[in-house]
């Protein structure tokens, strides 16, 4: 289990992480979300003892990482897939780590096969694509078969097959009772992969809850209506106080649930070809709830 309590990190006058508190429990995939510059990587680095906090605590299995044995048997992490000596082969890189962490040598072949790099294990890492480096980084995290795993943007550079593989891998690891904490900017993947979310902005906690709860509270529901009498229905709905956006025969309605819309159409003899409540998306909720935390806005987003 990961526990963060009032965690703060300042660099001079800049506060990267501000009194952050959350818990990541085993047996589930927890997504770590936030705009660029929100403090996600700084938080992960403090968890791993790579950066000291200004105040507060960050513990793994009840102990600060700096005070526990720094071994891959305890915590596996992928922070930067490019942080590997390019002159080494994938096999040599993992063998060196296994030797330094008292991990059986046979484990190297196992993780190379698990991440799909067995056939290129003899190749130098400098010639690897970004996706291959990501797979090697994941292999490094898995090498010690640890109970706690941290991943920072693990999907960068992966093709669709690779993304699907990672999604299944994380779910399997969580099903085995491990703590899986994944930082990502890909909302669609977190929606398909994560059970829980920790969302931060400007170093502060915005939400710590299930994916479903986060999406539901962050976005107003809308209703999609399709009818050959769209102009007439749009006028009636507006009179009822709804907000209507029209696109040919399709109407997107907010401010009025589906049932009253159907009743209104029935009373006025308007045929409906479609009437469906549109569920909230994680991406929409994220954009809405982190709007005030975005550090750099470009173009029309201003």
Protein backbone atom coordinates (compact mmCIF):
# COMPACT_ATOMS: atom_id res chain seq x y z
CA UNK A 1 0.00 0.00 0.00
CA UNK A 2 1.12 3.56 -0.74
CA UNK A 3 0.29 6.35 1.68
CA UNK A 4 0.95 10.04 1.09
CA UNK A 5 0.26 12.44 3.94
CA UNK A 6 0.52 16.25 3.68
CA UNK A 7 3.35 15.79 1.20
CA UNK A 8 4.97 19.07 0.12
CA UNK A 9 7.89 19.90 -2.13
CA UNK A 10 9.19 23.40 -2.77
CA UNK A 11 11.94 24.54 -5.09
CA UNK A 12 12.75 28.04 -3.94
CA UNK A 13 9.58 30.09 -4.40
CA UNK A 14 7.93 27.38 -6.51
CA UNK A 15 5.67 24.80 -4.84
CA UNK A 16 5.64 21.64 -6.95
CA UNK A 17 3.56 19.56 -4.52
CA UNK A 18 1.33 21.17 -1.91
CA UNK A 19 0.06 19.27 1.17
CA UNK A 20 -0.91 16.25 -0.90
CA UNK A 21 -2.64 13.31 0.82
CA UNK A 22 -3.98 10.08 -0.68
CA UNK A 23 -3.83 6.29 -0.35
CA UNK A 24 -3.22 3.68 -3.06
CA UNK A 25 -4.47 0.24 -2.02
CA UNK A 26 -3.47 -3.19 -3.33
CA UNK A 27 -5.69 -5.29 -5.56
CA UNK A 28 -6.65 -2.49 -7.95
CA UNK A 29 -5.16 -0.29 -10.65
CA UNK A 30 -4.98 3.32 -9.51
CA UNK A 31 -4.50 6.01 -12.14
CA UNK A 32 -2.53 9.15 -11.30
CA UNK A 33 -3.79 12.06 -13.42
CA UNK A 34 -3.10 15.75 -13.73
CA UNK A 35 -2.16 18.40 -16.32
CA UNK A 36 1.48 18.89 -17.30
CA UNK A 37 3.34 20.46 -14.39
CA UNK A 38 0.80 19.21 -11.85
CA UNK A 39 3.50 17.50 -9.75
CA UNK A 40 2.92 13.85 -10.70
CA UNK A 41 6.52 12.94 -11.47
CA UNK A 42 7.80 14.86 -8.44
CA UNK A 43 5.40 12.91 -6.26
CA UNK A 44 6.58 9.59 -7.72
CA UNK A 45 10.21 10.57 -7.22
CA UNK A 46 9.52 11.41 -3.57
CA UNK A 47 7.82 8.03 -3.12
CA UNK A 48 10.98 6.36 -4.44
CA UNK A 49 13.32 8.42 -2.29
CA UNK A 50 14.90 10.12 -5.30
CA UNK A 51 13.77 13.55 -4.07
CA UNK A 52 13.41 14.55 -0.44
CA UNK A 53 10.12 16.20 0.60
CA UNK A 54 10.04 19.67 2.11
CA UNK A 55 7.33 18.48 4.50
CA UNK A 56 4.96 15.56 4.97
CA UNK A 57 5.50 11.85 4.33
CA UNK A 58 5.34 9.37 1.46
CA UNK A 59 5.47 5.72 2.50
CA UNK A 60 5.33 2.34 0.79
CA UNK A 61 4.17 -0.56 2.96
CA UNK A 62 4.34 1.75 5.98
CA UNK A 63 7.94 2.88 5.52
CA UNK A 64 9.65 5.68 3.65
CA UNK A 65 11.52 4.25 0.68
CA UNK A 66 14.76 5.90 1.82
CA UNK A 67 14.62 3.88 5.05
CA UNK A 68 13.90 0.49 3.43
CA UNK A 69 16.28 -1.68 1.40
CA UNK A 70 16.53 -0.13 -2.05
CA UNK A 71 15.75 -3.30 -3.94
CA UNK A 72 13.66 -4.32 -6.91
CA UNK A 73 12.15 -7.07 -4.77
CA UNK A 74 10.23 -4.43 -2.80
CA UNK A 75 9.19 -1.84 -5.37
CA UNK A 76 9.32 -1.91 -9.17
CA UNK A 77 9.21 1.38 -11.05
CA UNK A 78 9.33 2.83 -14.55
CA UNK A 79 10.01 6.58 -14.46
CA UNK A 80 12.03 7.20 -17.63
CA UNK A 81 12.28 4.56 -20.35
CA UNK A 82 15.23 6.43 -21.89
CA UNK A 83 17.34 6.18 -18.75
CA UNK A 84 19.28 3.11 -19.94
CA UNK A 85 22.86 2.87 -21.22
CA UNK A 86 22.49 2.64 -24.99
CA UNK A 87 25.60 0.51 -25.40
CA UNK A 88 24.24 -2.38 -23.36
CA UNK A 89 22.03 -5.12 -24.66
CA UNK A 90 18.62 -5.60 -23.09
CA UNK A 91 19.79 -8.89 -21.57
CA UNK A 92 22.97 -7.36 -20.14
CA UNK A 93 21.03 -4.44 -18.65
CA UNK A 94 18.64 -6.74 -16.81
CA UNK A 95 21.37 -9.16 -15.74
CA UNK A 96 23.29 -6.32 -14.10
CA UNK A 97 20.21 -5.25 -12.18
CA UNK A 98 19.42 -8.82 -11.19
CA UNK A 99 22.96 -9.32 -9.87
CA UNK A 100 22.83 -6.10 -7.85
CA UNK A 101 19.48 -7.02 -6.30
CA UNK A 102 20.20 -10.70 -5.59
CA UNK A 103 17.59 -11.84 -8.11
CA UNK A 104 18.03 -15.25 -9.80
CA UNK A 105 19.48 -14.96 -13.30
CA UNK A 106 16.67 -17.04 -14.80
CA UNK A 107 14.28 -14.21 -13.96
CA UNK A 108 15.87 -12.11 -16.73
CA UNK A 109 14.73 -14.53 -19.43
CA UNK A 110 11.27 -14.71 -17.86
CA UNK A 111 10.61 -10.96 -17.92
CA UNK A 112 12.11 -10.52 -21.39
CA UNK A 113 9.68 -13.12 -22.66
CA UNK A 114 6.78 -11.57 -20.73
CA UNK A 115 7.28 -8.13 -22.29
CA UNK A 116 7.89 -9.49 -25.80
CA UNK A 117 11.62 -8.72 -26.07
CA UNK A 118 13.03 -12.25 -25.95
CA UNK A 119 13.93 -12.21 -29.66
CA UNK A 120 15.82 -8.90 -29.40
CA UNK A 121 17.47 -9.47 -26.02
CA UNK A 122 20.91 -9.51 -27.71
CA UNK A 123 20.44 -6.11 -29.35
CA UNK A 124 21.87 -2.90 -27.94
CA UNK A 125 19.30 -0.64 -26.29
CA UNK A 126 20.57 2.37 -28.27
CA UNK A 127 18.90 0.91 -31.37
CA UNK A 128 15.54 0.34 -29.67
CA UNK A 129 12.42 2.28 -30.60
CA UNK A 130 10.58 4.20 -27.87
CA UNK A 131 8.01 1.41 -27.60
CA UNK A 132 10.75 -1.20 -27.15
CA UNK A 133 12.38 0.93 -24.47
CA UNK A 134 9.05 1.16 -22.70
CA UNK A 135 8.78 -2.63 -22.73
CA UNK A 136 12.30 -2.90 -21.33
CA UNK A 137 11.37 -0.41 -18.60
CA UNK A 138 8.35 -2.51 -17.69
CA UNK A 139 10.57 -5.60 -17.63
CA UNK A 140 12.87 -3.79 -15.20
CA UNK A 141 9.93 -2.98 -12.93
CA UNK A 142 8.80 -6.62 -12.99
CA UNK A 143 12.28 -8.10 -12.51
CA UNK A 144 12.11 -8.50 -8.72
CA UNK A 145 8.48 -9.68 -8.74
CA UNK A 146 7.63 -6.85 -6.29
CA UNK A 147 4.32 -6.26 -4.45
CA UNK A 148 4.27 -2.55 -5.37
CA UNK A 149 4.64 -1.16 -8.89
CA UNK A 150 4.86 2.47 -10.06
CA UNK A 151 4.69 3.50 -13.71
CA UNK A 152 5.13 7.01 -15.12
CA UNK A 153 3.57 7.33 -18.61
CA UNK A 154 4.14 3.66 -19.51
CA UNK A 155 2.10 3.82 -22.73
CA UNK A 156 4.25 6.40 -24.55
CA UNK A 157 5.45 5.01 -27.86
CA UNK A 158 3.45 1.77 -27.71
CA UNK A 159 1.40 0.62 -30.69
CA UNK A 160 -2.26 -0.46 -30.24
CA UNK A 161 -1.25 -4.07 -29.56
CA UNK A 162 1.22 -2.87 -26.95
CA UNK A 163 -1.36 -0.67 -25.28
CA UNK A 164 -3.79 -3.58 -25.06
CA UNK A 165 -1.04 -5.80 -23.63
CA UNK A 166 -0.15 -3.23 -20.94
CA UNK A 167 -3.82 -2.83 -20.03
CA UNK A 168 -4.15 -6.58 -19.48
CA UNK A 169 -0.82 -6.74 -17.64
CA UNK A 170 -1.80 -4.07 -15.13
CA UNK A 171 -5.15 -5.71 -14.47
CA UNK A 172 -3.46 -9.09 -13.94
CA UNK A 173 -0.92 -7.59 -11.54
CA UNK A 174 -3.70 -5.96 -9.53
CA UNK A 175 -5.70 -9.22 -9.52
CA UNK A 176 -2.65 -10.87 -7.95
CA UNK A 177 -3.00 -8.49 -5.00
CA UNK A 178 -0.27 -6.03 -5.95
CA UNK A 179 -0.40 -2.26 -5.61
CA UNK A 180 -0.36 -0.78 -9.13
CA UNK A 181 0.01 3.01 -9.45
CA UNK A 182 0.02 4.40 -13.01
CA UNK A 183 0.63 8.01 -14.05
CA UNK A 184 -0.78 8.76 -17.49
CA UNK A 185 -2.21 11.56 -19.63
CA UNK A 186 -4.25 9.15 -21.79
CA UNK A 187 -7.78 9.50 -20.46
CA UNK A 188 -9.24 6.78 -22.66
CA UNK A 189 -6.75 4.25 -21.34
CA UNK A 190 -7.33 5.18 -17.72
CA UNK A 191 -11.05 4.82 -18.34
CA UNK A 192 -10.45 1.29 -19.64
CA UNK A 193 -7.71 0.28 -17.20
CA UNK A 194 -7.99 2.01 -13.83
CA UNK A 195 -10.36 1.20 -10.98
CA UNK A 196 -9.47 4.24 -8.86
CA UNK A 197 -8.10 7.69 -9.63
CA UNK A 198 -5.91 10.20 -7.87
CA UNK A 199 -6.20 13.54 -9.68
CA UNK A 200 -4.01 16.53 -8.86
CA UNK A 201 -3.57 20.04 -10.21
CA UNK A 202 -0.81 22.54 -9.36
CA UNK A 203 0.43 20.06 -6.77
CA UNK A 204 -2.89 19.89 -4.90
CA UNK A 205 -5.38 17.05 -4.64
CA UNK A 206 -8.50 17.45 -6.80
CA UNK A 207 -10.04 14.00 -6.37
CA UNK A 208 -9.32 10.52 -5.02
CA UNK A 209 -12.18 8.21 -5.98
CA UNK A 210 -13.41 5.59 -8.43
CA UNK A 211 -13.31 6.26 -12.18
CA UNK A 212 -17.11 6.11 -12.33
CA UNK A 213 -17.62 8.58 -9.49
CA UNK A 214 -15.09 11.01 -10.91
CA UNK A 215 -16.66 11.02 -14.37
CA UNK A 216 -20.19 11.36 -12.99
CA UNK A 217 -19.56 14.33 -10.74
CA UNK A 218 -17.45 16.26 -13.20
CA UNK A 219 -19.72 16.38 -16.23
CA UNK A 220 -23.35 17.31 -16.88
CA UNK A 221 -25.25 14.52 -18.59
CA UNK A 222 -26.73 15.17 -22.01
CA UNK A 223 -29.40 13.48 -24.10
CA UNK A 224 -29.05 12.66 -27.79
CA UNK A 225 -32.29 12.97 -29.77
CA UNK A 226 -32.70 12.14 -33.46
CA UNK A 227 -35.91 13.18 -35.21
CA UNK A 228 -37.06 14.32 -38.68
CA UNK A 229 -38.88 17.15 -36.87
CA UNK A 230 -35.73 18.55 -35.20
CA UNK A 231 -36.53 22.30 -35.54
CA UNK A 232 -39.99 21.90 -33.99
CA UNK A 233 -38.71 19.77 -31.11
CA UNK A 234 -35.76 22.09 -30.50
CA UNK A 235 -38.16 25.04 -30.12
CA UNK A 236 -40.33 23.10 -27.65
CA UNK A 237 -37.32 21.99 -25.60
CA UNK A 238 -35.95 25.53 -25.44
CA UNK A 239 -39.33 26.71 -24.15
CA UNK A 240 -39.04 24.08 -21.40
CA UNK A 241 -35.69 25.57 -20.32
CA UNK A 242 -33.38 23.03 -21.96
CA UNK A 243 -30.20 23.93 -23.82
CA UNK A 244 -30.26 22.48 -27.34
CA UNK A 245 -27.52 22.06 -29.96
CA UNK A 246 -28.74 21.01 -33.41
CA UNK A 247 -26.89 19.14 -36.14
CA UNK A 248 -29.34 18.21 -38.89
CA UNK A 249 -31.78 15.68 -37.45
CA UNK A 250 -29.67 15.21 -34.31
CA UNK A 251 -30.17 17.27 -31.17
CA UNK A 252 -27.92 17.32 -28.11
CA UNK A 253 -29.97 18.36 -25.09
CA UNK A 254 -28.76 19.38 -21.63
CA UNK A 255 -30.87 20.50 -18.71
CA UNK A 256 -33.70 18.03 -19.32
CA UNK A 257 -33.66 14.22 -18.80
CA UNK A 258 -34.62 11.72 -21.49
CA UNK A 259 -38.07 10.79 -20.08
CA UNK A 260 -39.56 14.33 -20.13
CA UNK A 261 -38.12 14.83 -23.63
CA UNK A 262 -39.89 11.69 -24.83
CA UNK A 263 -43.13 12.74 -23.16
CA UNK A 264 -42.93 16.20 -24.73
CA UNK A 265 -42.37 14.74 -28.20
CA UNK A 266 -45.28 12.30 -27.74
CA UNK A 267 -47.71 15.05 -26.69
CA UNK A 268 -46.90 17.04 -29.82
CA UNK A 269 -46.90 14.10 -32.21
CA UNK A 270 -43.18 14.32 -32.99
CA UNK A 271 -41.56 11.10 -34.18
CA UNK A 272 -38.30 10.08 -32.48
CA UNK A 273 -35.75 7.82 -34.14
CA UNK A 274 -33.35 7.96 -31.20
CA UNK A 275 -33.54 9.03 -27.56
CA UNK A 276 -30.47 8.19 -25.48
CA UNK A 277 -28.80 9.54 -22.38
CA UNK A 278 -25.14 10.19 -23.08
CA UNK A 279 -22.95 9.01 -20.23
CA UNK A 280 -20.18 11.23 -18.94
CA UNK A 281 -16.66 10.57 -20.20
CA UNK A 282 -13.57 10.60 -18.06
CA UNK A 283 -11.85 12.99 -20.45
CA UNK A 284 -14.65 15.57 -20.20
CA UNK A 285 -14.68 15.33 -16.41
CA UNK A 286 -10.90 15.68 -16.28
CA UNK A 287 -10.90 18.75 -18.55
CA UNK A 288 -13.66 20.39 -16.54
CA UNK A 289 -12.28 19.70 -13.08
CA UNK A 290 -8.66 20.56 -13.91
CA UNK A 291 -9.41 23.64 -16.04
CA UNK A 292 -8.09 26.00 -13.37
CA UNK A 293 -4.93 23.94 -12.93
CA UNK A 294 -3.61 23.98 -16.50
CA UNK A 295 -0.29 25.81 -16.55
CA UNK A 296 -0.01 26.47 -20.29
CA UNK A 297 -3.03 27.23 -22.45
CA UNK A 298 -2.73 27.51 -26.22
CA UNK A 299 -4.94 28.98 -28.91
CA UNK A 300 -8.68 28.51 -28.47
CA UNK A 301 -8.25 27.00 -24.99
CA UNK A 302 -7.47 30.40 -23.51
